[in-house]
């Protein structure tokens, strides 16, 4: 009996490792069946094998790799600008609720406004340069960071704040040792959302703001000449980039905010 239970123990662990691959496998099976059945013409939808081969060859040193790295660089640049501005500003605003309430409408208004709707405004200000793409992505991302950081401070656990006050801690000590640490978990959630938002905006900007490089440019350029293999490969690489960035920030969040929920 002990031997049987020992042998059965690894099975759930193996199943847990396999689970994340089930979705992609099902997607590619359905995709392949649709192409084989002729439900969509191959001129519009290539086989998953052709798209994956184009993706692998492109990222192994083809032109797609350069576009991938350019988009990644623009996304990270916009994200860093948003993080450097948004986190300190959000924490300061959250520590003074009156200050946050005075700008709450502006934050919520622009956070709810699709950033793509602001592309004409940024075109007038920055032209069609790379600065435009980074600036509009940073603008959309910084509002998410401010919102999450501010509410992280404002929603800090009251018992910890009260305990610090009872122990005679000054307002600065409460801010530094309680509010700042309590804000880290929601701030990291905001950062993870912000990097995804930055990627979306950068790709949209690359599509429609006179870009000559980047995944957005690769997608729209391939679509215009009906090079569907390259188009789908660029789309898949954009999704891969977003997935990798999300995983990196999840791991970073678990490492830095390891006490979350305790």
Protein backbone atom coordinates (compact mmCIF):
# COMPACT_ATOMS: atom_id res chain seq x y z
CA UNK A 1 0.00 0.00 0.00
CA UNK A 2 2.70 2.61 0.82
CA UNK A 3 4.41 1.79 -2.49
CA UNK A 4 1.21 2.40 -4.46
CA UNK A 5 0.63 5.80 -2.82
CA UNK A 6 4.24 6.79 -3.49
CA UNK A 7 3.93 5.88 -7.17
CA UNK A 8 0.66 7.81 -7.51
CA UNK A 9 2.06 10.99 -5.96
CA UNK A 10 3.92 12.33 -9.05
CA UNK A 11 0.86 12.04 -11.31
CA UNK A 12 -0.92 15.24 -10.21
CA UNK A 13 2.39 17.11 -10.51
CA UNK A 14 2.88 15.83 -14.07
CA UNK A 15 -0.70 16.79 -14.95
CA UNK A 16 -0.16 20.31 -13.59
CA UNK A 17 2.90 20.71 -15.80
CA UNK A 18 1.00 19.56 -18.89
CA UNK A 19 -2.11 21.72 -18.33
CA UNK A 20 -0.66 25.02 -19.71
CA UNK A 21 0.06 23.31 -23.05
CA UNK A 22 -3.48 22.00 -23.58
CA UNK A 23 -4.92 25.33 -24.74
CA UNK A 24 -2.26 26.03 -27.40
CA UNK A 25 -2.43 22.42 -28.66
CA UNK A 26 -6.23 22.61 -29.02
CA UNK A 27 -5.92 25.98 -30.79
CA UNK A 28 -3.47 24.63 -33.38
CA UNK A 29 -5.50 21.44 -33.90
CA UNK A 30 -8.66 23.46 -34.59
CA UNK A 31 -6.66 25.83 -36.81
CA UNK A 32 -5.26 22.88 -38.80
CA UNK A 33 -8.69 21.25 -39.16
CA UNK A 34 -10.20 24.50 -40.44
CA UNK A 35 -7.47 24.82 -43.09
CA UNK A 36 -7.66 21.15 -44.12
CA UNK A 37 -11.46 21.32 -44.42
CA UNK A 38 -11.17 24.35 -46.68
CA UNK A 39 -13.47 26.45 -44.50
CA UNK A 40 -11.07 29.38 -45.00
CA UNK A 41 -8.88 29.76 -48.09
CA UNK A 42 -5.16 29.28 -47.53
CA UNK A 43 -4.57 32.69 -49.12
CA UNK A 44 -6.25 34.13 -46.01
CA UNK A 45 -5.27 31.53 -43.40
CA UNK A 46 -2.10 29.45 -43.84
CA UNK A 47 -1.63 26.16 -42.06
CA UNK A 48 -0.30 26.40 -38.51
CA UNK A 49 2.82 24.50 -39.65
CA UNK A 50 3.63 27.15 -42.28
CA UNK A 51 3.01 29.98 -39.82
CA UNK A 52 5.18 28.37 -37.14
CA UNK A 53 8.01 27.64 -39.58
CA UNK A 54 7.94 31.26 -40.74
CA UNK A 55 7.92 32.39 -37.11
CA UNK A 56 10.89 30.21 -36.11
CA UNK A 57 12.93 31.11 -39.20
CA UNK A 58 12.13 34.80 -38.74
CA UNK A 59 13.10 34.87 -35.06
CA UNK A 60 16.20 32.78 -35.72
CA UNK A 61 17.83 35.65 -37.57
CA UNK A 62 15.42 36.88 -40.22
CA UNK A 63 13.88 40.34 -40.55
CA UNK A 64 11.22 39.37 -38.02
CA UNK A 65 13.86 39.21 -35.29
CA UNK A 66 14.82 42.85 -35.89
CA UNK A 67 11.17 43.94 -35.77
CA UNK A 68 10.67 41.88 -32.61
CA UNK A 69 13.63 43.52 -30.85
CA UNK A 70 12.59 47.03 -31.94
CA UNK A 71 9.05 46.57 -30.60
CA UNK A 72 10.41 45.05 -27.40
CA UNK A 73 12.77 48.01 -26.95
CA UNK A 74 10.03 50.59 -27.52
CA UNK A 75 7.72 48.77 -25.11
CA UNK A 76 10.30 48.56 -22.33
CA UNK A 77 11.30 52.20 -22.84
CA UNK A 78 7.68 53.33 -22.53
CA UNK A 79 7.18 51.07 -19.53
CA UNK A 80 10.26 52.38 -17.71
CA UNK A 81 9.10 55.96 -18.22
CA UNK A 82 5.66 55.04 -16.86
CA UNK A 83 7.13 53.20 -13.86
CA UNK A 84 9.60 55.96 -12.92
CA UNK A 85 6.90 58.63 -13.10
CA UNK A 86 3.81 56.65 -12.09
CA UNK A 87 4.90 54.77 -8.97
CA UNK A 88 6.27 57.72 -6.94
CA UNK A 89 3.43 59.98 -8.07
CA UNK A 90 0.79 57.36 -7.28
CA UNK A 91 2.24 56.64 -3.83
CA UNK A 92 2.43 60.36 -2.99
CA UNK A 93 -1.14 60.97 -4.17
CA UNK A 94 -2.40 57.90 -2.32
CA UNK A 95 -0.82 59.04 0.94
CA UNK A 96 -2.92 62.22 0.76
CA UNK A 97 -6.48 61.36 -0.18
CA UNK A 98 -7.45 65.00 -0.69
CA UNK A 99 -4.67 65.40 -3.23
CA UNK A 100 -5.78 62.24 -5.04
CA UNK A 101 -9.45 63.25 -5.04
CA UNK A 102 -8.49 66.55 -6.65
CA UNK A 103 -6.99 64.75 -9.68
CA UNK A 104 -9.11 61.58 -9.60
CA UNK A 105 -11.36 62.75 -12.43
CA UNK A 106 -8.39 63.43 -14.72
CA UNK A 107 -6.77 60.07 -13.96
CA UNK A 108 -9.99 58.10 -14.48
CA UNK A 109 -10.98 60.13 -17.56
CA UNK A 110 -7.73 59.61 -19.46
CA UNK A 111 -7.39 56.04 -18.15
CA UNK A 112 -10.80 55.28 -19.66
CA UNK A 113 -10.01 57.04 -22.94
CA UNK A 114 -8.64 54.65 -25.60
CA UNK A 115 -5.04 55.67 -26.19
CA UNK A 116 -5.48 55.09 -29.92
CA UNK A 117 -7.94 58.00 -29.93
CA UNK A 118 -5.08 60.26 -28.82
CA UNK A 119 -2.79 59.29 -31.70
CA UNK A 120 -3.72 62.41 -33.77
CA UNK A 121 -2.87 64.63 -30.78
CA UNK A 122 0.51 62.99 -30.28
CA UNK A 123 1.14 63.24 -34.03
CA UNK A 124 0.71 67.01 -33.82
CA UNK A 125 3.08 67.22 -30.85
CA UNK A 126 5.82 64.70 -31.74
CA UNK A 127 5.35 64.05 -35.45
CA UNK A 128 5.96 60.56 -36.83
CA UNK A 129 9.23 59.92 -34.99
CA UNK A 130 9.95 57.01 -32.65
CA UNK A 131 9.42 59.44 -29.76
CA UNK A 132 5.74 59.55 -30.69
CA UNK A 133 5.28 55.79 -30.31
CA UNK A 134 7.09 55.67 -26.98
CA UNK A 135 5.34 58.80 -25.67
CA UNK A 136 1.79 57.64 -26.35
CA UNK A 137 2.54 54.18 -24.92
CA UNK A 138 4.10 55.72 -21.80
CA UNK A 139 1.09 58.01 -21.40
CA UNK A 140 -1.35 55.10 -21.49
CA UNK A 141 0.78 52.99 -19.14
CA UNK A 142 1.54 55.71 -16.56
CA UNK A 143 -2.16 56.22 -15.75
CA UNK A 144 -2.52 52.53 -14.88
CA UNK A 145 0.53 52.68 -12.61
CA UNK A 146 -0.68 55.85 -10.86
CA UNK A 147 -4.14 54.38 -10.28
CA UNK A 148 -2.92 51.09 -8.81
CA UNK A 149 -0.15 52.63 -6.70
CA UNK A 150 -2.46 55.28 -5.25
CA UNK A 151 -5.19 52.83 -4.33
CA UNK A 152 -2.61 50.47 -2.90
CA UNK A 153 -1.61 53.17 -0.40
CA UNK A 154 -5.19 54.26 0.32
CA UNK A 155 -6.35 50.68 0.89
CA UNK A 156 -3.48 49.72 3.18
CA UNK A 157 -4.64 47.51 6.04
CA UNK A 158 -6.00 49.85 8.69
CA UNK A 159 -4.94 47.67 11.61
CA UNK A 160 -1.29 47.96 10.63
CA UNK A 161 -1.54 51.73 10.34
CA UNK A 162 -3.35 51.94 13.69
CA UNK A 163 -0.78 49.67 15.33
CA UNK A 164 2.02 51.92 14.10
CA UNK A 165 0.24 55.01 15.46
CA UNK A 166 -0.34 53.38 18.85
CA UNK A 167 3.36 52.58 19.01
CA UNK A 168 4.11 56.27 18.51
CA UNK A 169 5.36 56.15 14.92
CA UNK A 170 5.54 59.48 13.13
CA UNK A 171 3.64 60.13 9.88
CA UNK A 172 6.90 59.71 7.95
CA UNK A 173 7.64 56.36 9.63
CA UNK A 174 4.09 55.16 8.92
CA UNK A 175 4.47 56.20 5.28
CA UNK A 176 7.92 54.61 4.91
CA UNK A 177 7.46 51.42 6.93
CA UNK A 178 3.74 50.65 6.43
CA UNK A 179 2.08 52.45 3.52
CA UNK A 180 5.01 52.08 1.13
CA UNK A 181 5.27 48.32 1.67
CA UNK A 182 1.52 47.82 1.59
CA UNK A 183 1.40 49.55 -1.79
CA UNK A 184 3.92 47.21 -3.44
CA UNK A 185 1.52 44.38 -4.28
CA UNK A 186 -1.10 46.53 -6.09
CA UNK A 187 1.74 48.55 -7.62
CA UNK A 188 3.18 45.39 -9.17
CA UNK A 189 -0.28 44.49 -10.50
CA UNK A 190 -0.35 47.94 -12.07
CA UNK A 191 3.13 47.48 -13.52
CA UNK A 192 2.16 44.14 -15.06
CA UNK A 193 -0.95 45.68 -16.62
CA UNK A 194 1.07 48.70 -17.73
CA UNK A 195 3.65 46.70 -19.67
CA UNK A 196 0.85 44.86 -21.50
CA UNK A 197 -0.86 48.16 -22.28
CA UNK A 198 2.42 49.65 -23.49
CA UNK A 199 2.93 46.72 -25.88
CA UNK A 200 -0.59 47.07 -27.32
CA UNK A 201 -0.20 50.80 -27.88
CA UNK A 202 3.28 50.47 -29.40
CA UNK A 203 2.05 47.88 -31.94
CA UNK A 204 -0.99 50.01 -32.86
CA UNK A 205 1.26 53.06 -33.23
CA UNK A 206 3.68 51.08 -35.42
CA UNK A 207 0.76 50.17 -37.67
CA UNK A 208 -0.61 53.65 -38.21
CA UNK A 209 2.13 56.24 -37.47
CA UNK A 210 4.42 55.98 -40.48
CA UNK A 211 6.68 53.36 -38.96
CA UNK A 212 9.29 51.50 -41.01
CA UNK A 213 10.09 48.90 -38.36
CA UNK A 214 8.51 46.93 -35.53
CA UNK A 215 5.98 44.13 -35.32
CA UNK A 216 3.05 46.45 -36.00
CA UNK A 217 4.70 47.58 -39.23
CA UNK A 218 5.50 43.96 -40.14
CA UNK A 219 1.87 42.92 -39.63
CA UNK A 220 0.31 45.74 -41.65
CA UNK A 221 2.99 45.55 -44.39
CA UNK A 222 2.51 41.79 -44.82
CA UNK A 223 -1.29 42.22 -44.87
CA UNK A 224 -1.13 44.79 -47.67
CA UNK A 225 0.78 42.43 -49.97
CA UNK A 226 -1.16 39.33 -48.82
CA UNK A 227 1.95 37.70 -47.37
CA UNK A 228 -0.19 35.87 -44.85
CA UNK A 229 2.54 33.55 -43.54
CA UNK A 230 4.63 36.52 -42.44
CA UNK A 231 1.55 38.32 -41.15
CA UNK A 232 0.52 35.44 -38.90
CA UNK A 233 4.13 34.88 -37.83
CA UNK A 234 4.34 38.55 -36.76
CA UNK A 235 1.02 38.26 -34.91
CA UNK A 236 2.21 35.14 -33.10
CA UNK A 237 5.51 36.81 -32.19
CA UNK A 238 3.63 39.80 -30.77
CA UNK A 239 1.55 37.43 -28.63
CA UNK A 240 4.71 35.59 -27.59
CA UNK A 241 6.34 38.86 -26.53
CA UNK A 242 3.30 39.85 -24.47
CA UNK A 243 3.17 36.42 -22.83
CA UNK A 244 6.87 36.44 -21.93
CA UNK A 245 6.67 39.95 -20.46
CA UNK A 246 3.66 38.92 -18.36
CA UNK A 247 5.44 35.80 -17.05
CA UNK A 248 8.57 37.80 -16.20
CA UNK A 249 6.56 40.28 -14.15
CA UNK A 250 4.62 37.51 -12.43
CA UNK A 251 7.88 35.87 -11.34
CA UNK A 252 9.31 39.24 -10.29
CA UNK A 253 6.17 40.03 -8.30
CA UNK A 254 6.30 36.69 -6.47
CA UNK A 255 9.96 37.24 -5.64
CA UNK A 256 9.71 40.85 -4.47
CA UNK A 257 6.24 40.82 -2.86
CA UNK A 258 6.59 37.33 -1.37
CA UNK A 259 4.60 38.30 1.75
CA UNK A 260 1.46 39.22 -0.24
CA UNK A 261 -1.71 37.89 1.38
CA UNK A 262 -0.08 37.22 4.75
